[in-house]
Amino acid sequence: MSNFIRQIKRFIAQIRGRYPSPIPTGLSEFNVWADSIIDTYPLPTAHRDSIHFTLATLIINLGPTTSDMPKYHFVRSFRAACAKQVAGQVFQDIKTRQREEEASRKAAEEAAIVVSSEITP
């Protein structure tokens, strides 16, 4: 029964998170606010420091007159940041693989040139 009540409370918190609320202005307030986001929404990572770091970065990037913002805005921004980080890693992996293929191709060409120059009189 307590699990059912917890799910209802989480659902209500998710609905509340769609409406603007004040962004935190103190450290303890920030921790409570960030933890409420972590407890309410499924996020791509469970590492609290990473989540707090990203949420702090998102707050820093808000406009100078923004004082209220829905918590769900931060959840969506967090998910987008994670997706961009993965996409950046995919780019790096592909570029690394391309460099390795290019290097092995050049080495094979150089080896073929050396072998052909030794064969011809």
N, C-alpha and C. Protein backbone atom coordinates (compact mmCIF):
# COMPACT_ATOMS: atom_id res chain seq x y z
N MET A 1 0.81 -1.20 0.00
CA MET A 1 0.00 0.00 0.00
C MET A 1 0.86 1.27 0.00
N SER A 2 1.96 1.25 0.75
CA SER A 2 2.80 2.45 0.82
C SER A 2 3.44 2.75 -0.54
N ASN A 3 3.72 1.71 -1.33
CA ASN A 3 4.27 1.91 -2.67
C ASN A 3 3.27 2.64 -3.55
N PHE A 4 2.00 2.31 -3.42
CA PHE A 4 0.95 2.97 -4.19
C PHE A 4 0.85 4.44 -3.81
N ILE A 5 0.91 4.73 -2.54
CA ILE A 5 0.85 6.13 -2.07
C ILE A 5 2.08 6.89 -2.57
N ARG A 6 3.24 6.25 -2.53
CA ARG A 6 4.47 6.89 -3.02
C ARG A 6 4.36 7.21 -4.51
N GLN A 7 3.76 6.32 -5.29
CA GLN A 7 3.58 6.56 -6.73
C GLN A 7 2.62 7.71 -6.97
N ILE A 8 1.57 7.80 -6.17
CA ILE A 8 0.62 8.91 -6.31
C ILE A 8 1.31 10.24 -5.97
N LYS A 9 2.08 10.25 -4.89
CA LYS A 9 2.80 11.47 -4.50
C LYS A 9 3.79 11.88 -5.60
N ARG A 10 4.46 10.90 -6.19
CA ARG A 10 5.40 11.20 -7.27
C ARG A 10 4.67 11.75 -8.48
N PHE A 11 3.53 11.20 -8.81
CA PHE A 11 2.74 11.68 -9.93
C PHE A 11 2.29 13.12 -9.69
N ILE A 12 1.84 13.42 -8.48
CA ILE A 12 1.42 14.79 -8.14
C ILE A 12 2.62 15.74 -8.24
N ALA A 13 3.79 15.28 -7.77
CA ALA A 13 4.99 16.12 -7.87
C ALA A 13 5.36 16.36 -9.32
N GLN A 14 5.16 15.36 -10.18
CA GLN A 14 5.45 15.55 -11.61
C GLN A 14 4.51 16.58 -12.23
N ILE A 15 3.26 16.56 -11.82
CA ILE A 15 2.31 17.56 -12.32
C ILE A 15 2.71 18.95 -11.83
N ARG A 16 3.05 19.06 -10.55
CA ARG A 16 3.49 20.36 -9.99
C ARG A 16 4.75 20.86 -10.70
N GLY A 17 5.60 19.94 -11.10
CA GLY A 17 6.85 20.31 -11.76
C GLY A 17 6.67 20.93 -13.13
N ARG A 18 5.48 20.86 -13.66
CA ARG A 18 5.19 21.49 -14.97
C ARG A 18 4.89 22.98 -14.84
N TYR A 19 4.67 23.43 -13.61
CA TYR A 19 4.33 24.83 -13.37
C TYR A 19 5.54 25.57 -12.80
N PRO A 20 5.67 26.85 -13.13
CA PRO A 20 6.83 27.61 -12.64
C PRO A 20 6.88 27.64 -11.12
N SER A 21 8.09 27.50 -10.63
CA SER A 21 8.36 27.64 -9.20
C SER A 21 9.66 28.41 -9.06
N PRO A 22 9.88 29.02 -7.90
CA PRO A 22 11.11 29.80 -7.73
C PRO A 22 12.35 28.93 -7.84
N ILE A 23 13.37 29.46 -8.51
CA ILE A 23 14.64 28.74 -8.56
C ILE A 23 15.35 28.99 -7.23
N PRO A 24 16.18 28.05 -6.79
CA PRO A 24 16.80 28.17 -5.47
C PRO A 24 17.80 29.32 -5.41
N THR A 25 17.86 29.96 -4.24
CA THR A 25 18.79 31.08 -4.05
C THR A 25 19.79 30.83 -2.93
N GLY A 26 19.69 29.70 -2.28
CA GLY A 26 20.65 29.33 -1.24
C GLY A 26 21.13 27.90 -1.45
N LEU A 27 22.23 27.55 -0.80
CA LEU A 27 22.81 26.23 -1.00
C LEU A 27 21.91 25.12 -0.48
N SER A 28 21.40 25.26 0.73
CA SER A 28 20.51 24.22 1.26
C SER A 28 19.23 24.15 0.43
N GLU A 29 18.75 25.30 0.00
CA GLU A 29 17.55 25.33 -0.85
C GLU A 29 17.84 24.64 -2.19
N PHE A 30 19.04 24.86 -2.74
CA PHE A 30 19.42 24.20 -3.98
C PHE A 30 19.44 22.68 -3.82
N ASN A 31 20.03 22.21 -2.73
CA ASN A 31 20.12 20.76 -2.51
C ASN A 31 18.74 20.13 -2.38
N VAL A 32 17.84 20.77 -1.66
CA VAL A 32 16.47 20.26 -1.52
C VAL A 32 15.78 20.27 -2.88
N TRP A 33 15.96 21.35 -3.62
CA TRP A 33 15.33 21.50 -4.95
C TRP A 33 15.86 20.44 -5.92
N ALA A 34 17.17 20.27 -5.96
CA ALA A 34 17.79 19.29 -6.87
C ALA A 34 17.37 17.87 -6.48
N ASP A 35 17.36 17.58 -5.19
CA ASP A 35 16.96 16.25 -4.75
C ASP A 35 15.50 15.97 -5.06
N SER A 36 14.66 17.01 -5.03
CA SER A 36 13.25 16.79 -5.39
C SER A 36 13.12 16.45 -6.87
N ILE A 37 13.96 17.03 -7.71
CA ILE A 37 13.96 16.69 -9.13
C ILE A 37 14.44 15.25 -9.31
N ILE A 38 15.50 14.88 -8.61
CA ILE A 38 16.05 13.53 -8.71
C ILE A 38 15.02 12.49 -8.27
N ASP A 39 14.29 12.79 -7.19
CA ASP A 39 13.31 11.85 -6.66
C ASP A 39 12.03 11.79 -7.48
N THR A 40 11.75 12.82 -8.25
CA THR A 40 10.48 12.91 -8.97
C THR A 40 10.57 12.38 -10.40
N TYR A 41 11.67 12.65 -11.07
CA TYR A 41 11.77 12.33 -12.50
C TYR A 41 12.86 11.29 -12.76
N PRO A 42 12.62 10.41 -13.72
CA PRO A 42 13.70 9.50 -14.13
C PRO A 42 14.72 10.27 -14.97
N LEU A 43 15.97 10.19 -14.56
CA LEU A 43 17.05 10.89 -15.25
C LEU A 43 18.02 9.86 -15.83
N PRO A 44 18.78 10.24 -16.86
CA PRO A 44 19.68 9.30 -17.53
C PRO A 44 20.84 8.81 -16.66
N THR A 45 21.08 9.45 -15.53
CA THR A 45 22.15 9.02 -14.64
C THR A 45 21.66 9.09 -13.20
N ALA A 46 22.29 8.33 -12.34
CA ALA A 46 21.91 8.34 -10.93
C ALA A 46 23.01 8.98 -10.08
N HIS A 47 24.06 9.48 -10.71
CA HIS A 47 25.18 10.08 -9.98
C HIS A 47 24.78 11.49 -9.53
N ARG A 48 24.57 11.64 -8.24
CA ARG A 48 24.05 12.90 -7.70
C ARG A 48 24.94 14.10 -8.00
N ASP A 49 26.25 13.94 -7.90
CA ASP A 49 27.14 15.07 -8.18
C ASP A 49 27.01 15.53 -9.63
N SER A 50 26.90 14.59 -10.55
CA SER A 50 26.73 14.96 -11.96
C SER A 50 25.42 15.70 -12.17
N ILE A 51 24.38 15.23 -11.53
CA ILE A 51 23.08 15.87 -11.66
C ILE A 51 23.12 17.27 -11.06
N HIS A 52 23.68 17.40 -9.87
CA HIS A 52 23.77 18.72 -9.23
C HIS A 52 24.62 19.67 -10.07
N PHE A 53 25.73 19.17 -10.61
CA PHE A 53 26.59 19.99 -11.46
C PHE A 53 25.82 20.50 -12.68
N THR A 54 25.10 19.60 -13.33
CA THR A 54 24.36 19.98 -14.53
C THR A 54 23.24 20.95 -14.20
N LEU A 55 22.52 20.71 -13.12
CA LEU A 55 21.44 21.63 -12.73
C LEU A 55 22.00 23.01 -12.38
N ALA A 56 23.13 23.04 -11.71
CA ALA A 56 23.76 24.33 -11.40
C ALA A 56 24.16 25.06 -12.68
N THR A 57 24.69 24.32 -13.64
CA THR A 57 25.07 24.91 -14.93
C THR A 57 23.85 25.47 -15.65
N LEU A 58 22.75 24.73 -15.61
CA LEU A 58 21.53 25.20 -16.26
C LEU A 58 21.01 26.47 -15.61
N ILE A 59 21.11 26.56 -14.30
CA ILE A 59 20.67 27.78 -13.61
C ILE A 59 21.56 28.94 -14.00
N ILE A 60 22.86 28.72 -14.06
CA ILE A 60 23.79 29.79 -14.43
C ILE A 60 23.47 30.33 -15.82
N ASN A 61 23.01 29.46 -16.71
CA ASN A 61 22.74 29.87 -18.08
C ASN A 61 21.36 30.48 -18.28
N LEU A 62 20.57 30.59 -17.22
CA LEU A 62 19.26 31.25 -17.35
C LEU A 62 19.46 32.75 -17.56
N GLY A 63 18.45 33.38 -18.11
CA GLY A 63 18.50 34.82 -18.34
C GLY A 63 18.61 35.60 -17.03
N PRO A 64 19.01 36.87 -17.12
CA PRO A 64 19.25 37.66 -15.91
C PRO A 64 17.98 37.98 -15.11
N THR A 65 16.82 37.89 -15.72
CA THR A 65 15.59 38.21 -14.99
C THR A 65 14.74 36.97 -14.69
N THR A 66 15.26 35.80 -14.95
CA THR A 66 14.51 34.57 -14.69
C THR A 66 14.60 34.22 -13.22
N SER A 67 13.46 34.20 -12.57
CA SER A 67 13.45 33.84 -11.15
C SER A 67 12.54 32.64 -10.88
N ASP A 68 11.67 32.34 -11.82
CA ASP A 68 10.77 31.19 -11.71
C ASP A 68 10.88 30.36 -12.97
N MET A 69 10.93 29.04 -12.78
CA MET A 69 11.05 28.14 -13.93
C MET A 69 10.49 26.79 -13.50
N PRO A 70 9.73 26.14 -14.38
CA PRO A 70 9.24 24.79 -14.04
C PRO A 70 10.42 23.82 -13.85
N LYS A 71 10.30 22.94 -12.88
CA LYS A 71 11.34 21.93 -12.66
C LYS A 71 11.48 21.04 -13.89
N TYR A 72 10.38 20.82 -14.57
CA TYR A 72 10.41 19.95 -15.75
C TYR A 72 11.29 20.56 -16.86
N HIS A 73 11.41 21.87 -16.89
CA HIS A 73 12.32 22.53 -17.84
C HIS A 73 13.75 22.01 -17.63
N PHE A 74 14.15 21.89 -16.37
CA PHE A 74 15.49 21.43 -16.07
C PHE A 74 15.66 19.95 -16.41
N VAL A 75 14.60 19.17 -16.22
CA VAL A 75 14.65 17.75 -16.58
C VAL A 75 14.85 17.60 -18.08
N ARG A 76 14.09 18.34 -18.85
CA ARG A 76 14.22 18.27 -20.32
C ARG A 76 15.59 18.75 -20.77
N SER A 77 16.07 19.83 -20.17
CA SER A 77 17.39 20.34 -20.51
C SER A 77 18.48 19.35 -20.13
N PHE A 78 18.31 18.70 -18.99
CA PHE A 78 19.27 17.70 -18.55
C PHE A 78 19.33 16.53 -19.52
N ARG A 79 18.18 16.06 -19.93
CA ARG A 79 18.12 14.95 -20.89
C ARG A 79 18.76 15.35 -22.22
N ALA A 80 18.49 16.58 -22.66
CA ALA A 80 19.09 17.06 -23.92
C ALA A 80 20.61 17.15 -23.79
N ALA A 81 21.09 17.61 -22.64
CA ALA A 81 22.54 17.70 -22.42
C ALA A 81 23.17 16.32 -22.46
N CYS A 82 22.50 15.33 -21.87
CA CYS A 82 23.02 13.96 -21.90
C CYS A 82 23.07 13.43 -23.33
N ALA A 83 22.02 13.71 -24.10
CA ALA A 83 21.98 13.26 -25.49
C ALA A 83 23.10 13.92 -26.30
N LYS A 84 23.34 15.19 -26.05
CA LYS A 84 24.41 15.90 -26.76
C LYS A 84 25.78 15.34 -26.37
N GLN A 85 25.93 14.98 -25.11
CA GLN A 85 27.20 14.40 -24.68
C GLN A 85 27.44 13.06 -25.36
N VAL A 86 26.42 12.25 -25.48
CA VAL A 86 26.54 10.97 -26.17
C VAL A 86 26.86 11.20 -27.65
N ALA A 87 26.16 12.15 -28.26
CA ALA A 87 26.42 12.44 -29.67
C ALA A 87 27.86 12.92 -29.88
N GLY A 88 28.36 13.73 -28.98
CA GLY A 88 29.75 14.18 -29.06
C GLY A 88 30.72 13.02 -28.97
N GLN A 89 30.41 12.06 -28.10
CA GLN A 89 31.27 10.89 -27.97
C GLN A 89 31.23 10.05 -29.24
N VAL A 90 30.07 9.94 -29.87
CA VAL A 90 29.95 9.21 -31.13
C VAL A 90 30.82 9.87 -32.19
N PHE A 91 30.78 11.21 -32.27
CA PHE A 91 31.64 11.93 -33.21
C PHE A 91 33.11 11.61 -32.96
N GLN A 92 33.52 11.66 -31.70
CA GLN A 92 34.92 11.39 -31.37
C GLN A 92 35.31 9.97 -31.74
N ASP A 93 34.45 9.02 -31.44
CA ASP A 93 34.74 7.61 -31.77
C ASP A 93 34.90 7.41 -33.27
N ILE A 94 34.01 8.02 -34.04
CA ILE A 94 34.09 7.89 -35.50
C ILE A 94 35.36 8.54 -36.03
N LYS A 95 35.68 9.72 -35.54
CA LYS A 95 36.90 10.40 -36.00
C LYS A 95 38.14 9.60 -35.64
N THR A 96 38.17 9.03 -34.46
CA THR A 96 39.32 8.20 -34.05
C THR A 96 39.44 6.99 -34.95
N ARG A 97 38.33 6.35 -35.22
CA ARG A 97 38.35 5.17 -36.10
C ARG A 97 38.80 5.56 -37.50
N GLN A 98 38.34 6.70 -38.01
CA GLN A 98 38.75 7.16 -39.34
C GLN A 98 40.25 7.44 -39.38
N ARG A 99 40.79 8.06 -38.32
CA ARG A 99 42.23 8.34 -38.28
C ARG A 99 43.04 7.04 -38.28
N GLU A 100 42.56 6.06 -37.50
CA GLU A 100 43.26 4.77 -37.44
C GLU A 100 43.22 4.07 -38.80
N GLU A 101 42.07 4.10 -39.46
CA GLU A 101 41.95 3.48 -40.79
C GLU A 101 42.85 4.19 -41.79
N GLU A 102 42.90 5.50 -41.73
CA GLU A 102 43.75 6.28 -42.64
C GLU A 102 45.22 5.96 -42.39
N ALA A 103 45.60 5.88 -41.13
CA ALA A 103 47.00 5.57 -40.81
C ALA A 103 47.37 4.17 -41.28
N SER A 104 46.49 3.20 -41.09
CA SER A 104 46.81 1.83 -41.54
C SER A 104 46.82 1.76 -43.06
N ARG A 105 45.97 2.52 -43.73
CA ARG A 105 45.96 2.54 -45.19
C ARG A 105 47.26 3.14 -45.72
N LYS A 106 47.71 4.24 -45.11
CA LYS A 106 48.96 4.87 -45.53
C LYS A 106 50.15 3.94 -45.28
N ALA A 107 50.14 3.26 -44.15
CA ALA A 107 51.23 2.32 -43.86
C ALA A 107 51.25 1.18 -44.87
N ALA A 108 50.07 0.71 -45.25
CA ALA A 108 50.00 -0.36 -46.26
C ALA A 108 50.50 0.14 -47.61
N GLU A 109 50.15 1.36 -47.99
CA GLU A 109 50.62 1.94 -49.25
C GLU A 109 52.13 2.10 -49.25
N GLU A 110 52.67 2.60 -48.13
CA GLU A 110 54.13 2.78 -48.04
C GLU A 110 54.84 1.44 -48.11
N ALA A 111 54.28 0.43 -47.47
CA ALA A 111 54.87 -0.91 -47.52
C ALA A 111 54.83 -1.45 -48.94
N ALA A 112 53.73 -1.18 -49.66
CA ALA A 112 53.61 -1.64 -51.04
C ALA A 112 54.61 -0.92 -51.93
N ILE A 113 54.86 0.35 -51.69
CA ILE A 113 55.82 1.12 -52.49
C ILE A 113 57.23 0.59 -52.24
N VAL A 114 57.57 0.32 -50.98
CA VAL A 114 58.89 -0.20 -50.64
C VAL A 114 59.09 -1.57 -51.30
N VAL A 115 58.10 -2.44 -51.24
CA VAL A 115 58.21 -3.77 -51.82
C VAL A 115 58.32 -3.67 -53.34
N SER A 116 57.55 -2.80 -53.98
CA SER A 116 57.61 -2.68 -55.45
C SER A 116 58.94 -2.07 -55.88
N SER A 117 59.53 -1.16 -55.11
CA SER A 117 60.81 -0.59 -55.50
C SER A 117 61.93 -1.60 -55.33
N GLU A 118 61.79 -2.55 -54.41
CA GLU A 118 62.81 -3.59 -54.26
C GLU A 118 62.72 -4.62 -55.36
N ILE A 119 61.52 -4.83 -55.91
CA ILE A 119 61.34 -5.84 -56.95
C ILE A 119 61.84 -5.34 -58.29
N THR A 120 61.60 -4.10 -58.64
CA THR A 120 62.01 -3.57 -59.94
C THR A 120 63.51 -3.31 -59.95
N PRO A 121 64.18 -3.72 -61.09
CA PRO A 121 65.65 -3.53 -61.16
C PRO A 121 66.03 -2.13 -61.56
